[in-house]
N, C-alpha and C. Protein backbone atom coordinates (compact mmCIF):
# COMPACT_ATOMS: atom_id res chain seq x y z
N MET A 1 53.26 21.21 -16.45
CA MET A 1 53.07 19.49 -16.22
C MET A 1 51.81 19.68 -14.77
N THR A 2 51.02 19.16 -14.76
CA THR A 2 50.30 18.50 -13.69
C THR A 2 50.45 17.18 -13.43
N THR A 3 50.41 17.06 -12.28
CA THR A 3 51.20 16.23 -11.71
C THR A 3 49.74 15.35 -10.68
N VAL A 4 49.82 14.00 -10.38
CA VAL A 4 49.00 12.94 -9.84
C VAL A 4 48.13 13.54 -8.91
N ALA A 5 48.84 14.28 -8.19
CA ALA A 5 48.61 14.72 -6.67
C ALA A 5 47.76 16.13 -7.62
N ALA A 6 47.97 16.76 -8.42
CA ALA A 6 46.80 17.62 -8.42
C ALA A 6 45.68 17.33 -8.86
N ILE A 7 45.88 16.22 -10.02
CA ILE A 7 44.53 15.17 -10.17
C ILE A 7 43.53 15.07 -9.26
N SER A 8 44.39 14.54 -8.29
CA SER A 8 44.21 13.87 -6.70
C SER A 8 43.14 14.62 -6.34
N SER A 9 43.55 16.02 -6.27
CA SER A 9 42.91 16.67 -5.26
C SER A 9 41.86 17.59 -5.96
N ALA A 10 42.00 17.17 -7.08
CA ALA A 10 40.73 18.16 -7.94
C ALA A 10 39.61 16.93 -7.92
N LEU A 11 39.85 15.97 -8.03
CA LEU A 11 39.13 14.82 -7.81
C LEU A 11 38.57 14.75 -6.50
N GLU A 12 38.97 14.96 -5.48
CA GLU A 12 38.14 15.33 -4.35
C GLU A 12 37.34 16.24 -4.11
N SER A 13 37.38 17.22 -4.77
CA SER A 13 36.63 18.13 -4.93
C SER A 13 35.22 17.80 -5.41
N ALA A 14 35.86 17.13 -6.49
CA ALA A 14 34.29 17.04 -7.39
C ALA A 14 33.62 15.56 -6.97
N MET A 15 34.49 14.69 -5.96
CA MET A 15 33.95 13.66 -5.20
C MET A 15 32.90 13.91 -4.40
N LYS A 16 33.45 15.58 -3.45
CA LYS A 16 32.89 15.31 -2.40
C LYS A 16 31.55 16.38 -2.93
N VAL A 17 31.17 16.84 -4.05
CA VAL A 17 30.32 17.00 -4.93
C VAL A 17 29.34 16.42 -5.02
N LEU A 18 29.87 15.33 -5.80
CA LEU A 18 29.20 14.15 -6.07
C LEU A 18 28.53 13.48 -5.09
N GLN A 19 29.35 13.44 -3.60
CA GLN A 19 28.53 12.40 -2.66
C GLN A 19 27.57 13.54 -2.05
N GLY A 20 27.45 14.80 -2.13
CA GLY A 20 26.66 15.10 -1.41
C GLY A 20 25.38 15.48 -2.50
N ASP A 21 25.15 15.50 -3.41
CA ASP A 21 24.45 15.39 -4.64
C ASP A 21 23.34 14.19 -4.70
N LEU A 22 24.45 13.19 -4.73
CA LEU A 22 23.71 11.75 -4.36
C LEU A 22 22.71 11.31 -3.14
N ARG A 23 23.44 12.08 -2.05
CA ARG A 23 22.85 12.02 -0.80
C ARG A 23 20.99 12.94 -1.15
N GLU A 24 21.77 14.40 -1.50
CA GLU A 24 20.12 15.00 -1.80
C GLU A 24 19.33 14.23 -2.25
N GLU A 25 19.39 13.55 -4.03
CA GLU A 25 18.70 13.18 -4.97
C GLU A 25 18.00 12.09 -3.91
N LEU A 26 18.76 11.31 -2.97
CA LEU A 26 18.22 10.23 -2.59
C LEU A 26 16.87 10.78 -1.03
N LYS A 27 17.54 11.56 -0.56
CA LYS A 27 15.86 12.58 0.06
C LYS A 27 14.95 12.61 -0.85
N ALA A 28 15.36 13.25 -1.55
CA ALA A 28 14.17 13.91 -2.80
C ALA A 28 13.31 12.71 -3.23
N GLN A 29 14.15 12.01 -3.84
CA GLN A 29 12.90 10.42 -4.29
C GLN A 29 12.18 9.75 -3.22
N GLY A 30 12.48 10.33 -1.81
CA GLY A 30 11.92 9.63 -0.74
C GLY A 30 12.74 8.32 0.04
N HIS A 31 13.73 8.31 -0.21
CA HIS A 31 14.26 7.18 0.23
C HIS A 31 15.55 7.73 1.14
N TYR A 32 14.93 8.11 2.29
CA TYR A 32 15.30 8.49 3.57
C TYR A 32 14.42 8.02 4.68
N LEU A 33 15.06 6.82 5.81
CA LEU A 33 14.53 6.64 6.94
C LEU A 33 15.54 6.71 8.40
N THR A 34 16.27 5.66 7.69
CA THR A 34 17.43 5.32 9.57
C THR A 34 18.91 6.36 8.58
N GLY A 35 18.94 6.51 7.53
CA GLY A 35 19.69 7.20 7.18
C GLY A 35 21.25 6.48 6.82
N LYS A 36 20.89 5.00 6.84
CA LYS A 36 22.01 4.10 6.53
C LYS A 36 22.56 3.56 5.21
N LEU A 37 21.15 4.09 3.53
CA LEU A 37 21.81 4.44 2.75
C LEU A 37 22.73 5.84 2.12
N HIS A 38 22.11 6.42 3.14
CA HIS A 38 22.34 7.91 2.51
C HIS A 38 24.17 7.97 3.19
N ASN A 39 24.24 7.36 4.30
CA ASN A 39 25.77 7.57 4.94
C ASN A 39 26.33 6.72 4.20
N SER A 40 26.21 5.56 3.68
CA SER A 40 27.02 4.73 3.39
C SER A 40 27.54 5.22 1.66
N ILE A 41 27.01 6.05 1.10
CA ILE A 41 27.42 6.77 0.49
C ILE A 41 29.15 7.35 0.40
N ARG A 42 30.28 6.42 0.20
CA ARG A 42 31.44 6.81 0.44
C ARG A 42 32.06 6.93 -0.99
N TYR A 43 33.18 7.46 -1.12
CA TYR A 43 34.30 7.08 -2.24
C TYR A 43 35.53 7.25 -1.53
N GLU A 44 36.50 6.82 -2.81
CA GLU A 44 37.77 6.51 -2.51
C GLU A 44 38.92 6.83 -3.89
N ILE A 45 40.11 7.65 -3.28
CA ILE A 45 40.95 7.69 -4.93
C ILE A 45 42.00 7.46 -3.93
N THR A 46 42.52 6.63 -5.47
CA THR A 46 43.59 6.04 -5.60
C THR A 46 44.70 6.44 -6.73
N GLN A 47 45.90 6.67 -6.17
CA GLN A 47 46.77 7.17 -7.08
C GLN A 47 47.83 6.12 -7.50
N GLY A 48 48.05 6.25 -8.44
CA GLY A 48 48.96 4.93 -9.54
C GLY A 48 50.29 5.96 -9.69
N VAL A 49 51.16 5.37 -10.53
CA VAL A 49 52.25 6.36 -10.84
C VAL A 49 51.94 7.20 -11.58
N ASP A 50 51.08 7.30 -13.12
CA ASP A 50 50.39 7.64 -13.53
C ASP A 50 49.26 7.78 -13.88
N THR A 51 48.50 7.74 -12.80
CA THR A 51 46.76 7.04 -13.00
C THR A 51 46.25 7.84 -11.28
N VAL A 52 45.25 8.15 -11.64
CA VAL A 52 44.19 8.50 -10.03
C VAL A 52 42.77 7.75 -10.53
N VAL A 53 42.58 6.99 -9.65
CA VAL A 53 41.01 6.08 -10.01
C VAL A 53 40.05 6.76 -8.91
N ALA A 54 38.92 7.33 -9.25
CA ALA A 54 38.04 7.56 -8.26
C ALA A 54 36.84 6.97 -8.30
N THR A 55 36.76 5.82 -7.02
CA THR A 55 35.13 5.25 -7.15
C THR A 55 34.74 5.50 -5.74
N MET A 56 33.35 6.18 -6.37
CA MET A 56 32.04 5.81 -5.14
C MET A 56 31.18 4.27 -5.14
N GLU A 57 30.94 4.07 -3.82
CA GLU A 57 30.46 2.64 -3.09
C GLU A 57 29.18 3.19 -2.45
N CYS A 58 28.54 2.51 -2.46
CA CYS A 58 27.12 2.37 -1.30
C CYS A 58 26.82 0.81 -1.07
N GLU A 59 25.67 1.39 0.24
CA GLU A 59 25.41 -0.50 0.43
C GLU A 59 24.49 -0.92 -0.88
N ASP A 60 24.59 -2.17 -0.75
CA ASP A 60 24.09 -3.21 -2.03
C ASP A 60 23.12 -2.78 -2.58
N TYR A 61 21.87 -2.35 -1.37
CA TYR A 61 20.46 -2.14 -1.61
C TYR A 61 20.63 -0.71 -2.16
N GLY A 62 21.49 0.05 -2.65
CA GLY A 62 21.06 1.22 -3.51
C GLY A 62 20.94 0.49 -5.02
N LEU A 63 21.30 -0.18 -5.31
CA LEU A 63 21.11 -1.30 -6.78
C LEU A 63 19.29 -1.39 -7.11
N ALA A 64 18.95 -1.39 -6.27
CA ALA A 64 17.27 -1.53 -5.67
C ALA A 64 16.62 -0.21 -6.00
N MET A 65 17.26 1.04 -5.62
CA MET A 65 17.05 2.15 -5.42
C MET A 65 17.16 2.71 -6.54
N GLU A 66 17.96 2.32 -7.56
CA GLU A 66 18.65 2.88 -8.59
C GLU A 66 17.92 2.38 -10.02
N LEU A 67 17.87 1.04 -9.90
CA LEU A 67 17.02 0.23 -10.93
C LEU A 67 15.50 -0.11 -10.18
N GLY A 68 14.91 -0.15 -9.10
CA GLY A 68 14.14 -0.65 -9.48
C GLY A 68 13.92 -1.96 -9.25
N VAL A 69 12.72 -2.68 -8.85
CA VAL A 69 12.74 -4.24 -8.75
C VAL A 69 11.22 -4.66 -9.61
N PRO A 70 11.95 -5.53 -10.70
CA PRO A 70 10.39 -5.73 -10.92
C PRO A 70 9.63 -6.85 -10.57
N ALA A 71 7.82 -7.02 -10.69
CA ALA A 71 7.41 -7.81 -10.06
C ALA A 71 7.84 -9.26 -9.59
N ASN A 72 8.09 -10.21 -10.34
CA ASN A 72 8.60 -11.10 -10.35
C ASN A 72 10.23 -11.08 -9.73
N ARG A 73 10.39 -9.97 -9.26
CA ARG A 73 12.06 -10.34 -8.26
C ARG A 73 11.57 -10.28 -6.86
N ILE A 74 10.73 -9.79 -6.91
CA ILE A 74 10.34 -9.69 -5.33
C ILE A 74 9.96 -11.02 -4.70
N PRO A 75 10.39 -11.02 -3.55
CA PRO A 75 10.86 -12.63 -2.95
C PRO A 75 9.84 -12.70 -1.75
N TYR A 76 8.66 -12.74 -2.46
CA TYR A 76 7.22 -12.91 -2.08
C TYR A 76 6.00 -13.68 -2.84
N SER A 77 5.59 -14.97 -2.24
CA SER A 77 4.59 -15.73 -2.83
C SER A 77 3.50 -15.26 -2.91
N GLY A 78 3.28 -14.56 -1.79
CA GLY A 78 1.63 -14.15 -1.62
C GLY A 78 1.24 -15.08 -1.08
N ASN A 79 1.44 -16.39 -1.00
CA ASN A 79 0.22 -17.25 -0.08
C ASN A 79 0.45 -16.93 1.91
N GLY A 80 1.03 -16.16 2.04
CA GLY A 80 1.26 -15.91 3.05
C GLY A 80 1.38 -17.02 4.15
N GLY A 81 1.77 -18.37 3.77
CA GLY A 81 2.07 -19.13 4.38
C GLY A 81 3.32 -19.50 5.43
N GLY A 82 3.29 -19.54 6.62
CA GLY A 82 4.39 -20.13 7.73
C GLY A 82 5.64 -19.40 7.40
N GLY A 83 6.12 -19.81 8.50
CA GLY A 83 7.61 -19.17 8.30
C GLY A 83 8.06 -17.71 8.26
N THR A 84 9.20 -17.65 8.50
CA THR A 84 9.61 -16.02 8.75
C THR A 84 10.81 -16.01 7.20
N SER A 85 10.21 -15.14 6.82
CA SER A 85 10.69 -14.23 5.64
C SER A 85 11.61 -13.13 6.05
N GLN A 86 13.03 -13.05 5.68
CA GLN A 86 13.54 -11.60 5.91
C GLN A 86 12.99 -10.54 4.89
N TYR A 87 12.28 -10.93 3.92
CA TYR A 87 11.66 -10.00 3.04
C TYR A 87 10.56 -9.15 4.29
N ILE A 88 9.48 -10.19 4.27
CA ILE A 88 8.53 -9.71 5.54
C ILE A 88 9.35 -8.68 6.47
N GLN A 89 10.15 -9.74 7.08
CA GLN A 89 10.60 -9.00 8.61
C GLN A 89 11.51 -7.18 8.36
N GLY A 90 11.80 -7.55 7.06
CA GLY A 90 12.28 -5.93 6.68
C GLY A 90 11.10 -4.93 6.63
N LEU A 91 10.06 -5.79 5.66
CA LEU A 91 8.95 -4.42 5.79
C LEU A 91 8.57 -4.13 7.27
N ILE A 92 8.57 -5.33 8.03
CA ILE A 92 7.38 -4.82 9.03
C ILE A 92 8.42 -4.31 10.08
N THR A 93 9.84 -4.17 9.91
CA THR A 93 10.54 -3.08 10.38
C THR A 93 10.49 -1.49 10.07
N PHE A 94 10.36 -2.21 8.94
CA PHE A 94 10.20 -0.45 7.73
C PHE A 94 9.01 0.00 8.59
N PHE A 95 7.97 -0.18 8.67
CA PHE A 95 6.80 -0.43 9.18
C PHE A 95 6.68 0.49 10.65
N GLU A 96 7.48 -0.29 11.83
CA GLU A 96 7.63 0.07 12.82
C GLU A 96 8.43 1.70 12.62
N LEU A 97 9.25 1.18 11.95
CA LEU A 97 10.35 3.05 12.29
C LEU A 97 9.46 3.89 12.18
N ARG A 98 8.22 3.42 11.16
CA ARG A 98 7.52 4.94 10.83
C ARG A 98 6.48 4.84 11.86
N GLY A 99 6.60 4.54 12.95
CA GLY A 99 5.50 3.93 13.65
C GLY A 99 4.27 3.37 13.78
N LEU A 100 3.98 2.38 13.28
CA LEU A 100 3.42 1.84 13.48
C LEU A 100 3.77 0.84 14.39
N GLN A 101 3.09 -0.36 15.36
CA GLN A 101 3.46 -1.16 16.10
C GLN A 101 2.48 -2.52 16.16
N GLY A 102 3.36 -3.46 16.24
CA GLY A 102 2.52 -4.86 16.26
C GLY A 102 1.29 -5.31 14.87
N ARG A 103 0.51 -5.52 15.02
CA ARG A 103 -0.33 -6.24 13.76
C ARG A 103 -0.26 -5.32 12.91
N GLU A 104 -0.78 -3.64 13.63
CA GLU A 104 -0.84 -2.92 12.40
C GLU A 104 0.41 -2.70 11.49
N ALA A 105 1.38 -3.11 11.77
CA ALA A 105 2.88 -3.19 10.93
C ALA A 105 2.80 -4.32 10.56
N VAL A 106 2.81 -5.77 11.29
CA VAL A 106 2.44 -6.47 9.90
C VAL A 106 1.66 -6.48 8.94
N GLY A 107 0.34 -5.97 9.25
CA GLY A 107 -0.79 -5.80 8.39
C GLY A 107 -0.19 -4.86 7.43
N ALA A 108 0.41 -4.07 7.26
CA ALA A 108 0.97 -2.94 6.40
C ALA A 108 2.10 -3.71 5.42
N ALA A 109 2.99 -4.94 6.50
CA ALA A 109 4.02 -5.06 5.83
C ALA A 109 3.40 -6.35 4.39
N PHE A 110 2.47 -6.94 5.06
CA PHE A 110 1.85 -7.69 4.06
C PHE A 110 1.13 -7.14 2.86
N ALA A 111 0.65 -6.03 3.12
CA ALA A 111 -0.37 -5.45 2.36
C ALA A 111 0.62 -4.89 1.25
N THR A 112 1.86 -4.25 1.79
CA THR A 112 2.82 -3.72 1.26
C THR A 112 3.13 -4.34 -0.07
N ALA A 113 3.77 -5.68 0.48
CA ALA A 113 3.88 -7.07 -0.12
C ALA A 113 3.13 -7.52 -1.33
N ASN A 114 1.96 -7.51 -1.00
CA ASN A 114 1.00 -7.79 -2.31
C ASN A 114 0.87 -6.77 -3.08
N VAL A 115 1.00 -5.77 -2.59
CA VAL A 115 0.97 -4.99 -3.86
C VAL A 115 2.43 -4.60 -4.93
N GLN A 116 3.65 -5.06 -3.75
CA GLN A 116 4.73 -5.01 -4.73
C GLN A 116 4.73 -6.54 -5.59
N ILE A 117 4.13 -7.51 -5.14
CA ILE A 117 4.15 -8.47 -6.05
C ILE A 117 3.85 -8.24 -7.13
N ARG A 118 2.46 -7.03 -7.72
CA ARG A 118 1.40 -7.09 -8.69
C ARG A 118 2.08 -5.77 -9.35
N GLU A 119 2.63 -4.97 -8.69
CA GLU A 119 3.20 -3.47 -9.36
C GLU A 119 5.15 -3.73 -9.62
N GLY A 120 5.65 -4.48 -8.62
CA GLY A 120 7.29 -4.29 -8.38
C GLY A 120 7.27 -3.02 -7.32
N MET A 121 8.57 -2.25 -7.76
CA MET A 121 9.19 -1.96 -6.90
C MET A 121 9.91 -0.35 -7.55
N PRO A 122 9.49 0.60 -7.33
CA PRO A 122 8.71 1.49 -6.81
C PRO A 122 7.20 0.93 -7.47
N THR A 123 5.95 1.05 -6.37
CA THR A 123 4.65 0.76 -6.54
C THR A 123 4.22 2.30 -6.64
N ARG A 124 2.78 2.22 -7.08
CA ARG A 124 2.41 3.71 -7.77
C ARG A 124 2.19 4.67 -6.64
N GLY A 125 1.81 3.81 -5.52
CA GLY A 125 1.54 5.14 -4.57
C GLY A 125 2.74 5.47 -4.05
N SER A 126 3.69 4.53 -3.89
CA SER A 126 5.26 5.26 -3.13
C SER A 126 5.39 6.30 -3.84
N TYR A 127 5.54 7.07 -4.79
CA TYR A 127 5.52 8.54 -5.60
C TYR A 127 5.30 9.71 -4.46
N GLN A 128 4.23 8.84 -3.60
CA GLN A 128 3.47 10.12 -2.71
C GLN A 128 5.23 10.48 -1.36
N PHE A 129 5.87 9.57 -1.79
CA PHE A 129 6.80 9.84 -0.43
C PHE A 129 7.74 10.66 -1.65
N SER A 130 7.99 11.01 -2.59
CA SER A 130 9.23 11.94 -3.26
C SER A 130 8.69 13.28 -3.38
N SER A 131 9.73 14.16 -3.42
CA SER A 131 9.46 15.74 -3.39
C SER A 131 9.72 15.59 -4.94
N ASN A 132 10.29 15.16 -5.95
CA ASN A 132 10.79 15.43 -7.10
C ASN A 132 9.61 14.41 -8.67
N GLY A 133 8.81 13.87 -7.76
CA GLY A 133 8.54 13.37 -8.68
C GLY A 133 8.92 11.93 -9.33
N GLN A 134 10.57 11.61 -8.42
CA GLN A 134 11.46 10.05 -9.13
C GLN A 134 11.41 9.45 -7.88
N ARG A 135 11.58 7.77 -8.05
CA ARG A 135 11.55 6.90 -7.27
C ARG A 135 12.77 6.09 -7.55
N ILE A 136 13.26 6.21 -8.47
CA ILE A 136 14.01 5.32 -9.13
C ILE A 136 15.14 6.39 -9.70
N GLY A 137 16.48 5.88 -10.05
CA GLY A 137 17.32 6.26 -11.09
C GLY A 137 18.58 7.43 -10.13
N PHE A 138 18.62 7.12 -8.66
CA PHE A 138 19.11 8.46 -8.49
C PHE A 138 20.47 8.76 -8.78
N ALA A 139 21.37 7.89 -8.93
CA ALA A 139 22.19 7.94 -9.22
C ALA A 139 22.52 8.05 -11.04
N THR A 140 22.15 7.58 -11.29
CA THR A 140 22.09 8.19 -13.00
C THR A 140 21.49 9.67 -13.38
N THR A 141 20.44 9.95 -12.24
CA THR A 141 20.12 11.45 -12.61
C THR A 141 21.27 12.22 -12.05
N VAL A 142 21.78 12.32 -11.18
CA VAL A 142 22.87 12.64 -10.13
C VAL A 142 24.12 13.05 -11.29
N LEU A 143 24.39 11.76 -11.94
CA LEU A 143 25.87 11.90 -12.86
C LEU A 143 25.46 12.49 -14.07
N GLN A 144 24.30 12.61 -14.81
CA GLN A 144 23.70 13.10 -15.77
C GLN A 144 23.64 14.77 -15.81
N ARG A 145 23.44 15.49 -14.47
CA ARG A 145 23.00 16.12 -13.71
C ARG A 145 24.73 16.95 -13.23
N ASP A 146 25.42 16.06 -12.57
CA ASP A 146 26.50 17.40 -12.37
C ASP A 146 28.12 16.87 -13.14
N MET A 147 27.66 16.28 -14.38
CA MET A 147 28.98 15.56 -15.63
C MET A 147 29.51 16.64 -15.90
N SER A 148 28.67 18.45 -15.93
CA SER A 148 29.66 19.19 -16.17
C SER A 148 29.81 19.97 -15.19
N ILE A 149 29.16 19.78 -13.78
CA ILE A 149 30.28 20.21 -13.02
C ILE A 149 31.73 19.66 -12.47
N ILE A 150 31.76 18.25 -12.51
CA ILE A 150 32.72 17.53 -12.54
C ILE A 150 33.73 18.07 -13.33
N GLU A 151 33.64 18.22 -14.64
CA GLU A 151 34.60 18.39 -15.67
C GLU A 151 34.93 19.85 -15.68
N LYS A 152 33.94 20.37 -15.23
CA LYS A 152 34.60 22.19 -14.64
C LYS A 152 35.47 21.67 -13.85
N ILE A 153 35.21 21.29 -12.77
CA ILE A 153 36.08 21.31 -11.19
C ILE A 153 37.62 20.78 -12.00
N LEU A 154 37.50 19.69 -12.67
CA LEU A 154 38.48 19.23 -12.93
C LEU A 154 39.35 19.93 -14.21
N GLU A 155 38.75 20.80 -14.77
CA GLU A 155 39.53 21.64 -16.19
C GLU A 155 39.82 22.94 -15.53
N ASP A 156 39.07 23.34 -14.55
CA ASP A 156 39.78 24.54 -13.56
C ASP A 156 40.82 24.04 -12.91
N GLN A 157 40.85 23.53 -12.36
CA GLN A 157 42.25 23.08 -11.07
C GLN A 157 43.24 22.31 -11.35
N VAL A 158 42.82 21.46 -12.95
CA VAL A 158 44.13 20.68 -13.30
C VAL A 158 43.98 21.16 -15.02
N GLY A 159 43.08 21.19 -15.70
CA GLY A 159 43.41 21.69 -17.15
C GLY A 159 43.63 20.21 -17.84
N VAL A 160 43.02 19.17 -17.71
CA VAL A 160 43.38 17.96 -18.39
C VAL A 160 42.19 16.94 -18.91
N PHE A 161 42.25 16.11 -20.31
CA PHE A 161 41.42 15.46 -20.30
C PHE A 161 40.93 14.82 -19.29
N VAL A 162 39.59 14.47 -19.40
CA VAL A 162 38.95 13.61 -18.37
C VAL A 162 38.53 11.99 -18.90
N SER A 163 38.94 10.72 -18.53
CA SER A 163 38.06 10.02 -19.01
C SER A 163 37.29 9.26 -17.88
N ILE A 164 36.32 8.99 -18.15
CA ILE A 164 34.98 8.63 -16.71
C ILE A 164 34.23 7.38 -17.21
N THR A 165 34.18 6.13 -16.72
CA THR A 165 33.92 4.73 -16.34
C THR A 165 32.84 4.87 -15.69
N PHE A 166 31.73 4.10 -16.01
CA PHE A 166 30.71 3.45 -14.84
C PHE A 166 30.65 1.89 -15.09
N PRO A 167 29.91 1.53 -13.83
CA PRO A 167 29.49 0.17 -14.26
C PRO A 167 28.44 -0.10 -15.44
N ALA A 168 28.17 -0.93 -16.12
CA ALA A 168 27.32 -1.02 -16.98
C ALA A 168 25.99 -1.08 -16.52
N SER A 169 25.70 -1.66 -15.37
CA SER A 169 24.23 -1.03 -14.94
C SER A 169 24.00 0.21 -15.25
N ILE A 170 24.80 1.00 -14.54
CA ILE A 170 24.54 2.56 -14.87
C ILE A 170 24.86 3.09 -16.47
N ALA A 171 25.94 2.41 -16.93
CA ALA A 171 26.34 2.83 -18.24
C ALA A 171 24.94 2.56 -18.98
N GLN A 172 24.23 1.39 -19.43
CA GLN A 172 23.44 1.24 -20.07
C GLN A 172 21.93 2.38 -20.20
N LYS A 173 22.17 3.13 -18.66
CA LYS A 173 20.88 3.77 -18.58
C LYS A 173 21.43 5.42 -18.82
N MET A 174 22.77 5.75 -19.12
CA MET A 174 22.76 6.94 -19.05
C MET A 174 22.64 7.34 -20.87
N GLU A 175 22.54 8.71 -21.12
CA GLU A 175 22.88 9.42 -22.50
C GLU A 175 24.27 9.05 -23.07
N PRO A 176 24.67 9.04 -24.27
CA PRO A 176 26.45 9.23 -24.55
C PRO A 176 26.64 10.41 -23.77
N ILE A 177 27.66 10.84 -23.32
CA ILE A 177 28.40 11.23 -22.55
C ILE A 177 29.58 11.68 -23.73
N ASN A 178 30.03 13.19 -24.03
CA ASN A 178 31.06 13.55 -24.57
C ASN A 178 32.12 14.40 -23.94
N PHE A 179 33.14 14.01 -23.70
CA PHE A 179 34.66 14.49 -22.99
C PHE A 179 35.39 15.08 -24.17
N TYR A 180 36.05 16.23 -23.59
CA TYR A 180 37.06 17.00 -24.69
C TYR A 180 38.20 17.37 -23.65
N GLY A 181 39.28 17.19 -23.93
CA GLY A 181 40.21 17.91 -23.06
C GLY A 181 40.81 19.43 -23.62
């Protein structure tokens, strides 16, 4: 008979693989500057009397890296009129981290904002930073690619049926997955 502790141990192995692959996919898609999102990918395994639940979480903006942002949701009006926008400040900081300074960083931020209100995010030009041709769908890509690895780890270590559920935002993008025990 398989114990909850054995299942938990197998899930630990599977989640380590998944965590590493999610981090690598982010880098491959060109989403690595400070490492904040990369380092925020964490998992937790909780045991109940007869259940084991594994959850994976990351910074909220990981959802934008997964799904993208339509042009009409970019928080910039395009009129450049006064005030301080957190969105523009974030873009300025991004370009400063990339080595631009002062007016050059500000100009690049506004230029990027103007492209994003036309194209959304990712922009066509941002694909140059990807080594695998992708800029969205890091989690979906990894889950689809790693599902057989996760199943094999769990089957080899505990030989039990596995039921895996995903948040609706991810599940809607995934192909149906058949599980067998």
